[in-house]
Structure formats: C-alpha cells, structure tokens
PDB file of all heavy atoms in Angstrom:
ATOM      1  N   LYS A   1       9.044  -7.037   8.883  1.00  0.00           N
ATOM      2  CA  LYS A   1       9.299  -6.931  10.315  1.00  0.00           C
ATOM      3  C   LYS A   1      10.749  -6.530  10.538  1.00  0.00           C
ATOM      4  O   LYS A   1      11.571  -6.548   9.635  1.00  0.00           O
ATOM      5  CB  LYS A   1       9.013  -8.272  11.017  1.00  0.00           C
ATOM      6  CG  LYS A   1       7.589  -8.770  10.847  1.00  0.00           C
ATOM      7  CD  LYS A   1       6.629  -7.877  11.570  1.00  0.00           C
ATOM      8  CE  LYS A   1       5.209  -8.384  11.429  1.00  0.00           C
ATOM      9  NZ  LYS A   1       4.240  -7.536  11.997  1.00  0.00           N
ATOM     10  N   PHE A   2      11.050  -6.209  11.778  1.00  0.00           N
ATOM     11  CA  PHE A   2      12.395  -5.731  12.127  1.00  0.00           C
ATOM     12  C   PHE A   2      13.459  -6.809  11.950  1.00  0.00           C
ATOM     13  O   PHE A   2      14.526  -6.553  11.415  1.00  0.00           O
ATOM     14  CB  PHE A   2      12.392  -5.203  13.567  1.00  0.00           C
ATOM     15  CG  PHE A   2      13.697  -4.586  13.987  1.00  0.00           C
ATOM     16  CD1 PHE A   2      14.133  -3.404  13.428  1.00  0.00           C
ATOM     17  CD2 PHE A   2      14.483  -5.199  14.939  1.00  0.00           C
ATOM     18  CE1 PHE A   2      15.331  -2.830  13.801  1.00  0.00           C
ATOM     19  CE2 PHE A   2      15.684  -4.634  15.316  1.00  0.00           C
ATOM     20  CZ  PHE A   2      16.105  -3.453  14.755  1.00  0.00           C
ATOM     21  N   THR A   3      13.184  -8.033  12.392  1.00  0.00           N
ATOM     22  CA  THR A   3      14.208  -9.076  12.354  1.00  0.00           C
ATOM     23  C   THR A   3      13.934 -10.187  11.359  1.00  0.00           C
ATOM     24  O   THR A   3      14.817 -10.990  11.076  1.00  0.00           O
ATOM     25  CB  THR A   3      14.384  -9.718  13.747  1.00  0.00           C
ATOM     26  OG1 THR A   3      13.121 -10.269  14.151  1.00  0.00           O
ATOM     27  CG2 THR A   3      14.881  -8.711  14.757  1.00  0.00           C
ATOM     28  N   ASN A   4      12.721 -10.290  10.857  1.00  0.00           N
ATOM     29  CA  ASN A   4      12.412 -11.333   9.889  1.00  0.00           C
ATOM     30  C   ASN A   4      11.232 -10.887   9.041  1.00  0.00           C
ATOM     31  O   ASN A   4      10.639  -9.859   9.301  1.00  0.00           O
ATOM     32  CB  ASN A   4      12.105 -12.665  10.590  1.00  0.00           C
ATOM     33  CG  ASN A   4      10.897 -12.567  11.511  1.00  0.00           C
ATOM     34  OD1 ASN A   4      10.112 -11.641  11.440  1.00  0.00           O
ATOM     35  ND2 ASN A   4      10.752 -13.548  12.382  1.00  0.00           N
ATOM     36  N   GLY A   5      10.923 -11.659   8.058  1.00  0.00           N
ATOM     37  CA  GLY A   5       9.809 -11.315   7.185  1.00  0.00           C
ATOM     38  C   GLY A   5       8.956 -12.521   6.905  1.00  0.00           C
ATOM     39  O   GLY A   5       9.161 -13.205   5.908  1.00  0.00           O
ATOM     40  N   PRO A   6       8.003 -12.811   7.782  1.00  0.00           N
ATOM     41  CA  PRO A   6       7.167 -13.992   7.553  1.00  0.00           C
ATOM     42  C   PRO A   6       6.241 -13.819   6.355  1.00  0.00           C
ATOM     43  O   PRO A   6       5.854 -12.714   5.999  1.00  0.00           O
ATOM     44  CB  PRO A   6       6.361 -14.106   8.852  1.00  0.00           C
ATOM     45  CG  PRO A   6       6.340 -12.732   9.421  1.00  0.00           C
ATOM     46  CD  PRO A   6       7.629 -12.084   8.994  1.00  0.00           C
ATOM     47  N   CYS A   7       5.902 -14.946   5.743  1.00  0.00           N
ATOM     48  CA  CYS A   7       4.939 -14.979   4.643  1.00  0.00           C
ATOM     49  C   CYS A   7       3.677 -15.673   5.120  1.00  0.00           C
ATOM     50  O   CYS A   7       3.743 -16.682   5.813  1.00  0.00           O
ATOM     51  CB  CYS A   7       5.510 -15.728   3.446  1.00  0.00           C
ATOM     52  SG  CYS A   7       6.701 -14.791   2.506  1.00  0.00           S
ATOM     53  N   LEU A   8       2.548 -15.120   4.749  1.00  0.00           N
ATOM     54  CA  LEU A   8       1.256 -15.711   5.070  1.00  0.00           C
ATOM     55  C   LEU A   8       0.652 -16.253   3.790  1.00  0.00           C
ATOM     56  O   LEU A   8       0.599 -15.552   2.783  1.00  0.00           O
ATOM     57  CB  LEU A   8       0.320 -14.664   5.668  1.00  0.00           C
ATOM     58  CG  LEU A   8       0.832 -13.870   6.875  1.00  0.00           C
ATOM     59  CD1 LEU A   8      -0.187 -12.801   7.271  1.00  0.00           C
ATOM     60  CD2 LEU A   8       1.131 -14.797   8.033  1.00  0.00           C
ATOM     61  N   ALA A   9       0.214 -17.504   3.833  1.00  0.00           N
ATOM     62  CA  ALA A   9      -0.363 -18.114   2.638  1.00  0.00           C
ATOM     63  C   ALA A   9      -1.811 -18.533   2.843  1.00  0.00           C
ATOM     64  O   ALA A   9      -2.478 -18.922   1.877  1.00  0.00           O
ATOM     65  CB  ALA A   9       0.476 -19.323   2.226  1.00  0.00           C
ATOM     66  N   LYS A  10      -2.305 -18.451   4.066  1.00  0.00           N
ATOM     67  CA  LYS A  10      -3.684 -18.837   4.349  1.00  0.00           C
ATOM     68  C   LYS A  10      -4.621 -17.910   3.571  1.00  0.00           C
ATOM     69  O   LYS A  10      -4.468 -16.683   3.610  1.00  0.00           O
ATOM     70  CB  LYS A  10      -3.936 -18.736   5.852  1.00  0.00           C
ATOM     71  CG  LYS A  10      -5.196 -19.363   6.324  1.00  0.00           C
ATOM     72  CD  LYS A  10      -5.177 -19.415   7.856  1.00  0.00           C
ATOM     73  CE  LYS A  10      -6.494 -18.978   8.405  1.00  0.00           C
ATOM     74  NZ  LYS A  10      -6.497 -18.960   9.876  1.00  0.00           N
ATOM     75  N   THR A  11      -5.571 -18.481   2.878  1.00  0.00           N
ATOM     76  CA  THR A  11      -6.463 -17.720   1.999  1.00  0.00           C
ATOM     77  C   THR A  11      -7.144 -16.563   2.725  1.00  0.00           C
ATOM     78  O   THR A  11      -7.222 -15.450   2.188  1.00  0.00           O
ATOM     79  CB  THR A  11      -7.515 -18.654   1.368  1.00  0.00           C
ATOM     80  OG1 THR A  11      -6.836 -19.693   0.666  1.00  0.00           O
ATOM     81  CG2 THR A  11      -8.424 -17.909   0.425  1.00  0.00           C
ATOM     82  N   SER A  12      -7.607 -16.790   3.941  1.00  0.00           N
ATOM     83  CA  SER A  12      -8.308 -15.724   4.665  1.00  0.00           C
ATOM     84  C   SER A  12      -7.356 -14.578   5.025  1.00  0.00           C
ATOM     85  O   SER A  12      -7.757 -13.408   5.007  1.00  0.00           O
ATOM     86  CB  SER A  12      -8.980 -16.270   5.926  1.00  0.00           C
ATOM     87  OG  SER A  12      -8.026 -16.847   6.800  1.00  0.00           O
ATOM     88  N   ASP A  13      -6.091 -14.890   5.324  1.00  0.00           N
ATOM     89  CA  ASP A  13      -5.111 -13.840   5.617  1.00  0.00           C
ATOM     90  C   ASP A  13      -4.822 -13.020   4.363  1.00  0.00           C
ATOM     91  O   ASP A  13      -4.797 -11.786   4.402  1.00  0.00           O
ATOM     92  CB  ASP A  13      -3.801 -14.440   6.132  1.00  0.00           C
ATOM     93  CG  ASP A  13      -3.914 -15.047   7.520  1.00  0.00           C
ATOM     94  OD1 ASP A  13      -4.815 -14.643   8.284  1.00  0.00           O
ATOM     95  OD2 ASP A  13      -3.089 -15.934   7.838  1.00  0.00           O
ATOM     96  N   VAL A  14      -4.601 -13.707   3.255  1.00  0.00           N
ATOM     97  CA  VAL A  14      -4.316 -13.022   1.988  1.00  0.00           C
ATOM     98  C   VAL A  14      -5.499 -12.138   1.605  1.00  0.00           C
ATOM     99  O   VAL A  14      -5.319 -10.984   1.188  1.00  0.00           O
ATOM    100  CB  VAL A  14      -3.982 -14.036   0.868  1.00  0.00           C
ATOM    101  CG1 VAL A  14      -3.872 -13.332  -0.488  1.00  0.00           C
ATOM    102  CG2 VAL A  14      -2.698 -14.797   1.190  1.00  0.00           C
ATOM    103  N   GLN A  15      -6.702 -12.639   1.788  1.00  0.00           N
ATOM    104  CA  GLN A  15      -7.907 -11.860   1.468  1.00  0.00           C
ATOM    105  C   GLN A  15      -7.976 -10.595   2.320  1.00  0.00           C
ATOM    106  O   GLN A  15      -8.278  -9.507   1.820  1.00  0.00           O
ATOM    107  CB  GLN A  15      -9.170 -12.708   1.661  1.00  0.00           C
ATOM    108  CG  GLN A  15     -10.450 -11.975   1.325  1.00  0.00           C
ATOM    109  CD  GLN A  15     -10.555 -11.584  -0.141  1.00  0.00           C
ATOM    110  OE1 GLN A  15     -10.053 -12.296  -1.017  1.00  0.00           O
ATOM    111  NE2 GLN A  15     -11.169 -10.461  -0.423  1.00  0.00           N
ATOM    112  N   GLN A  16      -7.695 -10.737   3.612  1.00  0.00           N
ATOM    113  CA  GLN A  16      -7.756  -9.579   4.512  1.00  0.00           C
ATOM    114  C   GLN A  16      -6.739  -8.512   4.098  1.00  0.00           C
ATOM    115  O   GLN A  16      -7.053  -7.323   4.044  1.00  0.00           O
ATOM    116  CB  GLN A  16      -7.504 -10.013   5.949  1.00  0.00           C
ATOM    117  CG  GLN A  16      -7.627  -8.880   6.940  1.00  0.00           C
ATOM    118  CD  GLN A  16      -7.457  -9.353   8.383  1.00  0.00           C
ATOM    119  OE1 GLN A  16      -7.179 -10.503   8.656  1.00  0.00           O
ATOM    120  NE2 GLN A  16      -7.625  -8.425   9.313  1.00  0.00           N
ATOM    121  N   TYR A  17      -5.515  -8.909   3.780  1.00  0.00           N
ATOM    122  CA  TYR A  17      -4.501  -7.947   3.361  1.00  0.00           C
ATOM    123  C   TYR A  17      -4.818  -7.359   1.986  1.00  0.00           C
ATOM    124  O   TYR A  17      -4.558  -6.186   1.733  1.00  0.00           O
ATOM    125  CB  TYR A  17      -3.102  -8.578   3.390  1.00  0.00           C
ATOM    126  CG  TYR A  17      -2.508  -8.604   4.771  1.00  0.00           C
ATOM    127  CD1 TYR A  17      -2.656  -9.707   5.601  1.00  0.00           C
ATOM    128  CD2 TYR A  17      -1.823  -7.498   5.272  1.00  0.00           C
ATOM    129  CE1 TYR A  17      -2.117  -9.728   6.881  1.00  0.00           C
ATOM    130  CE2 TYR A  17      -1.279  -7.499   6.550  1.00  0.00           C
ATOM    131  CZ  TYR A  17      -1.438  -8.617   7.348  1.00  0.00           C
ATOM    132  OH  TYR A  17      -0.906  -8.616   8.605  1.00  0.00           O
ATOM    133  N   SER A  18      -5.388  -8.164   1.104  1.00  0.00           N
ATOM    134  CA  SER A  18      -5.788  -7.642  -0.214  1.00  0.00           C
ATOM    135  C   SER A  18      -6.868  -6.573  -0.054  1.00  0.00           C
ATOM    136  O   SER A  18      -6.831  -5.540  -0.729  1.00  0.00           O
ATOM    137  CB  SER A  18      -6.290  -8.772  -1.107  1.00  0.00           C
ATOM    138  OG  SER A  18      -5.236  -9.653  -1.422  1.00  0.00           O
ATOM    139  N   GLU A  19      -7.810  -6.810   0.844  1.00  0.00           N
ATOM    140  CA  GLU A  19      -8.853  -5.819   1.107  1.00  0.00           C
ATOM    141  C   GLU A  19      -8.272  -4.556   1.742  1.00  0.00           C
ATOM    142  O   GLU A  19      -8.693  -3.436   1.414  1.00  0.00           O
ATOM    143  CB  GLU A  19      -9.935  -6.422   2.006  1.00  0.00           C
ATOM    144  CG  GLU A  19     -10.776  -7.462   1.302  1.00  0.00           C
ATOM    145  CD  GLU A  19     -11.705  -8.230   2.228  1.00  0.00           C
ATOM    146  OE1 GLU A  19     -11.767  -7.905   3.442  1.00  0.00           O
ATOM    147  OE2 GLU A  19     -12.365  -9.176   1.739  1.00  0.00           O
ATOM    148  N   THR A  20      -7.297  -4.737   2.623  1.00  0.00           N
ATOM    149  CA  THR A  20      -6.637  -3.581   3.235  1.00  0.00           C
ATOM    150  C   THR A  20      -5.905  -2.772   2.178  1.00  0.00           C
ATOM    151  O   THR A  20      -5.975  -1.538   2.165  1.00  0.00           O
ATOM    152  CB  THR A  20      -5.664  -4.034   4.348  1.00  0.00           C
ATOM    153  OG1 THR A  20      -6.413  -4.705   5.362  1.00  0.00           O
ATOM    154  CG2 THR A  20      -4.914  -2.857   4.946  1.00  0.00           C
ATOM    155  N   HIS A  21      -5.222  -3.449   1.262  1.00  0.00           N
ATOM    156  CA  HIS A  21      -4.522  -2.752   0.180  1.00  0.00           C
ATOM    157  C   HIS A  21      -5.520  -1.972  -0.675  1.00  0.00           C
ATOM    158  O   HIS A  21      -5.262  -0.826  -1.057  1.00  0.00           O
ATOM    159  CB  HIS A  21      -3.724  -3.736  -0.674  1.00  0.00           C
ATOM    160  CG  HIS A  21      -2.871  -3.083  -1.696  1.00  0.00           C
ATOM    161  ND1 HIS A  21      -3.106  -3.191  -3.041  1.00  0.00           N
ATOM    162  CD2 HIS A  21      -1.778  -2.279  -1.581  1.00  0.00           C
ATOM    163  CE1 HIS A  21      -2.202  -2.494  -3.714  1.00  0.00           C
ATOM    164  NE2 HIS A  21      -1.387  -1.931  -2.855  1.00  0.00           N
ATOM    165  N   ALA A  22      -6.666  -2.554  -0.933  1.00  0.00           N
ATOM    166  CA  ALA A  22      -7.698  -1.862  -1.717  1.00  0.00           C
ATOM    167  C   ALA A  22      -8.196  -0.623  -0.975  1.00  0.00           C
ATOM    168  O   ALA A  22      -8.415   0.433  -1.592  1.00  0.00           O
ATOM    169  CB  ALA A  22      -8.854  -2.810  -2.025  1.00  0.00           C
ATOM    170  N   ARG A  23      -8.370  -0.718   0.349  1.00  0.00           N
ATOM    171  CA  ARG A  23      -8.803   0.454   1.122  1.00  0.00           C
ATOM    172  C   ARG A  23      -7.735   1.544   1.083  1.00  0.00           C
ATOM    173  O   ARG A  23      -8.049   2.734   0.968  1.00  0.00           O
ATOM    174  CB  ARG A  23      -9.112   0.057   2.571  1.00  0.00           C
ATOM    175  CG  ARG A  23     -10.414  -0.702   2.703  1.00  0.00           C
ATOM    176  CD  ARG A  23     -10.934  -0.773   4.128  1.00  0.00           C
ATOM    177  NE  ARG A  23     -10.024  -1.326   5.105  1.00  0.00           N
ATOM    178  CZ  ARG A  23      -9.877  -2.617   5.395  1.00  0.00           C
ATOM    179  NH1 ARG A  23     -10.588  -3.514   4.744  1.00  0.00           N
ATOM    180  NH2 ARG A  23      -9.034  -3.004   6.324  1.00  0.00           N
ATOM    181  N   LEU A  24      -6.471   1.149   1.179  1.00  0.00           N
ATOM    182  CA  LEU A  24      -5.387   2.134   1.122  1.00  0.00           C
ATOM    183  C   LEU A  24      -5.356   2.820  -0.241  1.00  0.00           C
ATOM    184  O   LEU A  24      -5.169   4.034  -0.329  1.00  0.00           O
ATOM    185  CB  LEU A  24      -4.041   1.466   1.426  1.00  0.00           C
ATOM    186  CG  LEU A  24      -3.873   0.954   2.850  1.00  0.00           C
ATOM    187  CD1 LEU A  24      -2.584   0.131   2.969  1.00  0.00           C
ATOM    188  CD2 LEU A  24      -3.872   2.100   3.843  1.00  0.00           C
ATOM    189  N   ARG A  25      -5.533   2.053  -1.308  1.00  0.00           N
ATOM    190  CA  ARG A  25      -5.567   2.639  -2.658  1.00  0.00           C
ATOM    191  C   ARG A  25      -6.708   3.627  -2.781  1.00  0.00           C
ATOM    192  O   ARG A  25      -6.578   4.667  -3.422  1.00  0.00           O
ATOM    193  CB  ARG A  25      -5.688   1.543  -3.718  1.00  0.00           C
ATOM    194  CG  ARG A  25      -4.439   0.713  -3.855  1.00  0.00           C
ATOM    195  CD  ARG A  25      -4.472  -0.257  -5.028  1.00  0.00           C
ATOM    196  NE  ARG A  25      -5.767  -0.555  -5.563  1.00  0.00           N
ATOM    197  CZ  ARG A  25      -6.295  -1.793  -5.620  1.00  0.00           C
ATOM    198  NH1 ARG A  25      -5.643  -2.818  -5.132  1.00  0.00           N
ATOM    199  NH2 ARG A  25      -7.472  -1.975  -6.171  1.00  0.00           N
ATOM    200  N   ALA A  26      -7.856   3.317  -2.165  1.00  0.00           N
ATOM    201  CA  ALA A  26      -9.012   4.213  -2.233  1.00  0.00           C
ATOM    202  C   ALA A  26      -8.743   5.521  -1.493  1.00  0.00           C
ATOM    203  O   ALA A  26      -9.256   6.569  -1.888  1.00  0.00           O
ATOM    204  CB  ALA A  26     -10.247   3.517  -1.659  1.00  0.00           C
ATOM    205  N   LEU A  27      -7.936   5.476  -0.436  1.00  0.00           N
ATOM    206  CA  LEU A  27      -7.604   6.676   0.333  1.00  0.00           C
ATOM    207  C   LEU A  27      -6.468   7.491  -0.300  1.00  0.00           C
ATOM    208  O   LEU A  27      -6.322   8.677  -0.029  1.00  0.00           O
ATOM    209  CB  LEU A  27      -7.188   6.291   1.758  1.00  0.00           C
ATOM    210  CG  LEU A  27      -8.270   5.721   2.661  1.00  0.00           C
ATOM    211  CD1 LEU A  27      -7.650   5.153   3.929  1.00  0.00           C
ATOM    212  CD2 LEU A  27      -9.294   6.804   2.994  1.00  0.00           C
ATOM    213  N   ALA A  28      -5.674   6.834  -1.115  1.00  0.00           N
ATOM    214  CA  ALA A  28      -4.483   7.476  -1.690  1.00  0.00           C
ATOM    215  C   ALA A  28      -4.848   8.411  -2.838  1.00  0.00           C
ATOM    216  O   ALA A  28      -5.924   8.322  -3.435  1.00  0.00           O
ATOM    217  CB  ALA A  28      -3.511   6.403  -2.192  1.00  0.00           C
ATOM    218  N   LEU A  29      -3.914   9.304  -3.120  1.00  0.00           N
ATOM    219  CA  LEU A  29      -4.051  10.180  -4.279  1.00  0.00           C
ATOM    220  C   LEU A  29      -3.910   9.362  -5.552  1.00  0.00           C
ATOM    221  O   LEU A  29      -3.206   8.348  -5.578  1.00  0.00           O
ATOM    222  CB  LEU A  29      -2.968  11.260  -4.244  1.00  0.00           C
ATOM    223  CG  LEU A  29      -2.974  12.204  -3.046  1.00  0.00           C
ATOM    224  CD1 LEU A  29      -1.736  13.097  -3.081  1.00  0.00           C
ATOM    225  CD2 LEU A  29      -4.242  13.037  -3.011  1.00  0.00           C
ATOM    226  N   ALA A  30      -4.537   9.809  -6.609  1.00  0.00           N
ATOM    227  CA  ALA A  30      -4.384   9.162  -7.914  1.00  0.00           C
ATOM    228  C   ALA A  30      -2.919   9.260  -8.350  1.00  0.00           C
ATOM    229  O   ALA A  30      -2.175  10.118  -7.867  1.00  0.00           O
ATOM    230  CB  ALA A  30      -5.293   9.839  -8.930  1.00  0.00           C
ATOM    231  N   PRO A  31      -2.491   8.396  -9.268  1.00  0.00           N
ATOM    232  CA  PRO A  31      -1.088   8.415  -9.690  1.00  0.00           C
ATOM    233  C   PRO A  31      -0.575   9.795 -10.132  1.00  0.00           C
ATOM    234  O   PRO A  31       0.519  10.200  -9.756  1.00  0.00           O
ATOM    235  CB  PRO A  31      -1.040   7.399 -10.831  1.00  0.00           C
ATOM    236  CG  PRO A  31      -2.100   6.412 -10.462  1.00  0.00           C
ATOM    237  CD  PRO A  31      -3.204   7.254  -9.866  1.00  0.00           C
ATOM    238  N   ASN A  32      -1.363  10.538 -10.924  1.00  0.00           N
ATOM    239  CA  ASN A  32      -0.916  11.870 -11.364  1.00  0.00           C
ATOM    240  C   ASN A  32      -0.783  12.831 -10.191  1.00  0.00           C
ATOM    241  O   ASN A  32       0.185  13.599 -10.111  1.00  0.00           O
ATOM    242  CB  ASN A  32      -1.873  12.460 -12.403  1.00  0.00           C
ATOM    243  CG  ASN A  32      -1.562  11.995 -13.803  1.00  0.00           C
ATOM    244  OD1 ASN A  32      -0.496  11.447 -14.057  1.00  0.00           O
ATOM    245  ND2 ASN A  32      -2.496  12.183 -14.700  1.00  0.00           N
ATOM    246  N   GLN A  33      -1.749  12.812  -9.289  1.00  0.00           N
ATOM    247  CA  GLN A  33      -1.677  13.663  -8.096  1.00  0.00           C
ATOM    248  C   GLN A  33      -0.493  13.255  -7.223  1.00  0.00           C
ATOM    249  O   GLN A  33       0.178  14.110  -6.637  1.00  0.00           O
ATOM    250  CB  GLN A  33      -2.973  13.562  -7.289  1.00  0.00           C
ATOM    251  CG  GLN A  33      -4.183  14.121  -7.983  1.00  0.00           C
ATOM    252  CD  GLN A  33      -5.443  13.786  -7.206  1.00  0.00           C
ATOM    253  OE1 GLN A  33      -5.711  12.635  -6.883  1.00  0.00           O
ATOM    254  NE2 GLN A  33      -6.211  14.817  -6.899  1.00  0.00           N
ATOM    255  N   SER A  34      -0.241  11.963  -7.142  1.00  0.00           N
ATOM    256  CA  SER A  34       0.893  11.477  -6.358  1.00  0.00           C
ATOM    257  C   SER A  34       2.207  11.972  -6.947  1.00  0.00           C
ATOM    258  O   SER A  34       3.112  12.384  -6.217  1.00  0.00           O
ATOM    259  CB  SER A  34       0.879   9.941  -6.298  1.00  0.00           C
ATOM    260  OG  SER A  34      -0.252   9.488  -5.576  1.00  0.00           O
ATOM    261  N   ARG A  35       2.319  11.948  -8.284  1.00  0.00           N
ATOM    262  CA  ARG A  35       3.536  12.462  -8.935  1.00  0.00           C
ATOM    263  C   ARG A  35       3.733  13.939  -8.628  1.00  0.00           C
ATOM    264  O   ARG A  35       4.853  14.400  -8.400  1.00  0.00           O
ATOM    265  CB  ARG A  35       3.487  12.218 -10.440  1.00  0.00           C
ATOM    266  CG  ARG A  35       4.084  10.885 -10.841  1.00  0.00           C
ATOM    267  CD  ARG A  35       4.309  10.780 -12.338  1.00  0.00           C
ATOM    268  NE  ARG A  35       3.062  10.702 -13.093  1.00  0.00           N
ATOM    269  CZ  ARG A  35       2.347   9.603 -13.226  1.00  0.00           C
ATOM    270  NH1 ARG A  35       2.721   8.490 -12.661  1.00  0.00           N
ATOM    271  NH2 ARG A  35       1.237   9.619 -13.938  1.00  0.00           N
ATOM    272  N   HIS A  36       2.638  14.703  -8.589  1.00  0.00           N
ATOM    273  CA  HIS A  36       2.737  16.130  -8.249  1.00  0.00           C
ATOM    274  C   HIS A  36       3.243  16.306  -6.823  1.00  0.00           C
ATOM    275  O   HIS A  36       4.076  17.185  -6.557  1.00  0.00           O
ATOM    276  CB  HIS A  36       1.391  16.838  -8.424  1.00  0.00           C
ATOM    277  CG  HIS A  36       0.980  17.015  -9.854  1.00  0.00           C
ATOM    278  ND1 HIS A  36       1.749  17.681 -10.783  1.00  0.00           N
ATOM    279  CD2 HIS A  36      -0.122  16.591 -10.508  1.00  0.00           C
ATOM    280  CE1 HIS A  36       1.143  17.665 -11.945  1.00  0.00           C
ATOM    281  NE2 HIS A  36       0.007  17.002 -11.813  1.00  0.00           N
ATOM    282  N   LEU A  37       2.763  15.482  -5.906  1.00  0.00           N
ATOM    283  CA  LEU A  37       3.223  15.561  -4.522  1.00  0.00           C
ATOM    284  C   LEU A  37       4.701  15.183  -4.420  1.00  0.00           C
ATOM    285  O   LEU A  37       5.463  15.823  -3.692  1.00  0.00           O
ATOM    286  CB  LEU A  37       2.373  14.656  -3.626  1.00  0.00           C
ATOM    287  CG  LEU A  37       2.539  14.842  -2.127  1.00  0.00           C
ATOM    288  CD1 LEU A  37       2.228  16.268  -1.692  1.00  0.00           C
ATOM    289  CD2 LEU A  37       1.641  13.858  -1.389  1.00  0.00           C
ATOM    290  N   ILE A  38       5.112  14.175  -5.177  1.00  0.00           N
ATOM    291  CA  ILE A  38       6.529  13.789  -5.203  1.00  0.00           C
ATOM    292  C   ILE A  38       7.366  14.932  -5.768  1.00  0.00           C
ATOM    293  O   ILE A  38       8.433  15.251  -5.240  1.00  0.00           O
ATOM    294  CB  ILE A  38       6.724  12.488  -6.012  1.00  0.00           C
ATOM    295  CG1 ILE A  38       6.041  11.310  -5.294  1.00  0.00           C
ATOM    296  CG2 ILE A  38       8.213  12.199  -6.231  1.00  0.00           C
ATOM    297  CD1 ILE A  38       5.904  10.054  -6.140  1.00  0.00           C
ATOM    298  N   THR A  39       6.875  15.584  -6.830  1.00  0.00           N
ATOM    299  CA  THR A  39       7.577  16.732  -7.407  1.00  0.00           C
ATOM    300  C   THR A  39       7.725  17.858  -6.392  1.00  0.00           C
ATOM    301  O   THR A  39       8.788  18.474  -6.287  1.00  0.00           O
ATOM    302  CB  THR A  39       6.835  17.236  -8.668  1.00  0.00           C
ATOM    303  OG1 THR A  39       6.807  16.185  -9.634  1.00  0.00           O
ATOM    304  CG2 THR A  39       7.518  18.449  -9.264  1.00  0.00           C
ATOM    305  N   ASP A  40       6.668  18.135  -5.628  1.00  0.00           N
ATOM    306  CA  ASP A  40       6.739  19.167  -4.587  1.00  0.00           C
ATOM    307  C   ASP A  40       7.793  18.812  -3.544  1.00  0.00           C
ATOM    308  O   ASP A  40       8.536  19.683  -3.086  1.00  0.00           O
ATOM    309  CB  ASP A  40       5.386  19.346  -3.902  1.00  0.00           C
ATOM    310  CG  ASP A  40       4.370  20.037  -4.800  1.00  0.00           C
ATOM    311  OD1 ASP A  40       4.780  20.640  -5.821  1.00  0.00           O
ATOM    312  OD2 ASP A  40       3.163  19.963  -4.481  1.00  0.00           O
ATOM    313  N   ALA A  41       7.855  17.540  -3.171  1.00  0.00           N
ATOM    314  CA  ALA A  41       8.859  17.111  -2.194  1.00  0.00           C
ATOM    315  C   ALA A  41      10.270  17.268  -2.767  1.00  0.00           C
ATOM    316  O   ALA A  41      11.194  17.690  -2.063  1.00  0.00           O
ATOM    317  CB  ALA A  41       8.600  15.666  -1.767  1.00  0.00           C
ATOM    318  N   ILE A  42      10.436  16.958  -4.039  1.00  0.00           N
ATOM    319  CA  ILE A  42      11.744  17.126  -4.687  1.00  0.00           C
ATOM    320  C   ILE A  42      12.176  18.590  -4.623  1.00  0.00           C
ATOM    321  O   ILE A  42      13.329  18.887  -4.317  1.00  0.00           O
ATOM    322  CB  ILE A  42      11.708  16.623  -6.157  1.00  0.00           C
ATOM    323  CG1 ILE A  42      11.571  15.096  -6.191  1.00  0.00           C
ATOM    324  CG2 ILE A  42      12.954  17.083  -6.918  1.00  0.00           C
ATOM    325  CD1 ILE A  42      11.249  14.543  -7.561  1.00  0.00           C
ATOM    326  N   LYS A  43      11.247  19.500  -4.892  1.00  0.00           N
ATOM    327  CA  LYS A  43      11.556  20.931  -4.839  1.00  0.00           C
ATOM    328  C   LYS A  43      12.011  21.320  -3.448  1.00  0.00           C
ATOM    329  O   LYS A  43      12.935  22.129  -3.294  1.00  0.00           O
ATOM    330  CB  LYS A  43      10.335  21.759  -5.245  1.00  0.00           C
ATOM    331  CG  LYS A  43       9.991  21.657  -6.704  1.00  0.00           C
ATOM    332  CD  LYS A  43       8.701  22.403  -7.015  1.00  0.00           C
ATOM    333  CE  LYS A  43       8.261  22.164  -8.449  1.00  0.00           C
ATOM    334  NZ  LYS A  43       6.952  22.774  -8.715  1.00  0.00           N
TER     335      LYS A  43
END
C-alpha cells in the first residue's frame, strides 16, 4: 500500500491470494518467453 503494508494471516485470505497468484501465473508468459520480452525492452 501507499502508506503501510498490512499482512493477512487468515487462512481464507491467504488461500484467495494464492489462487489469484496461480491465475496470474497461468496468464503470464513462460519464463523463457518472459526473458525474451525483457531482452526486447532492454534493446
């Protein structure tokens, strides 16, 4: 957050964020493809 960084420890909250992270990983490029995109940005 902008002014602080709260931590959530409730199991249901952690589960929801873990599932969100998994969805983001599924949408993201694979590591090799990601490195290629980073290389293009460097160029």
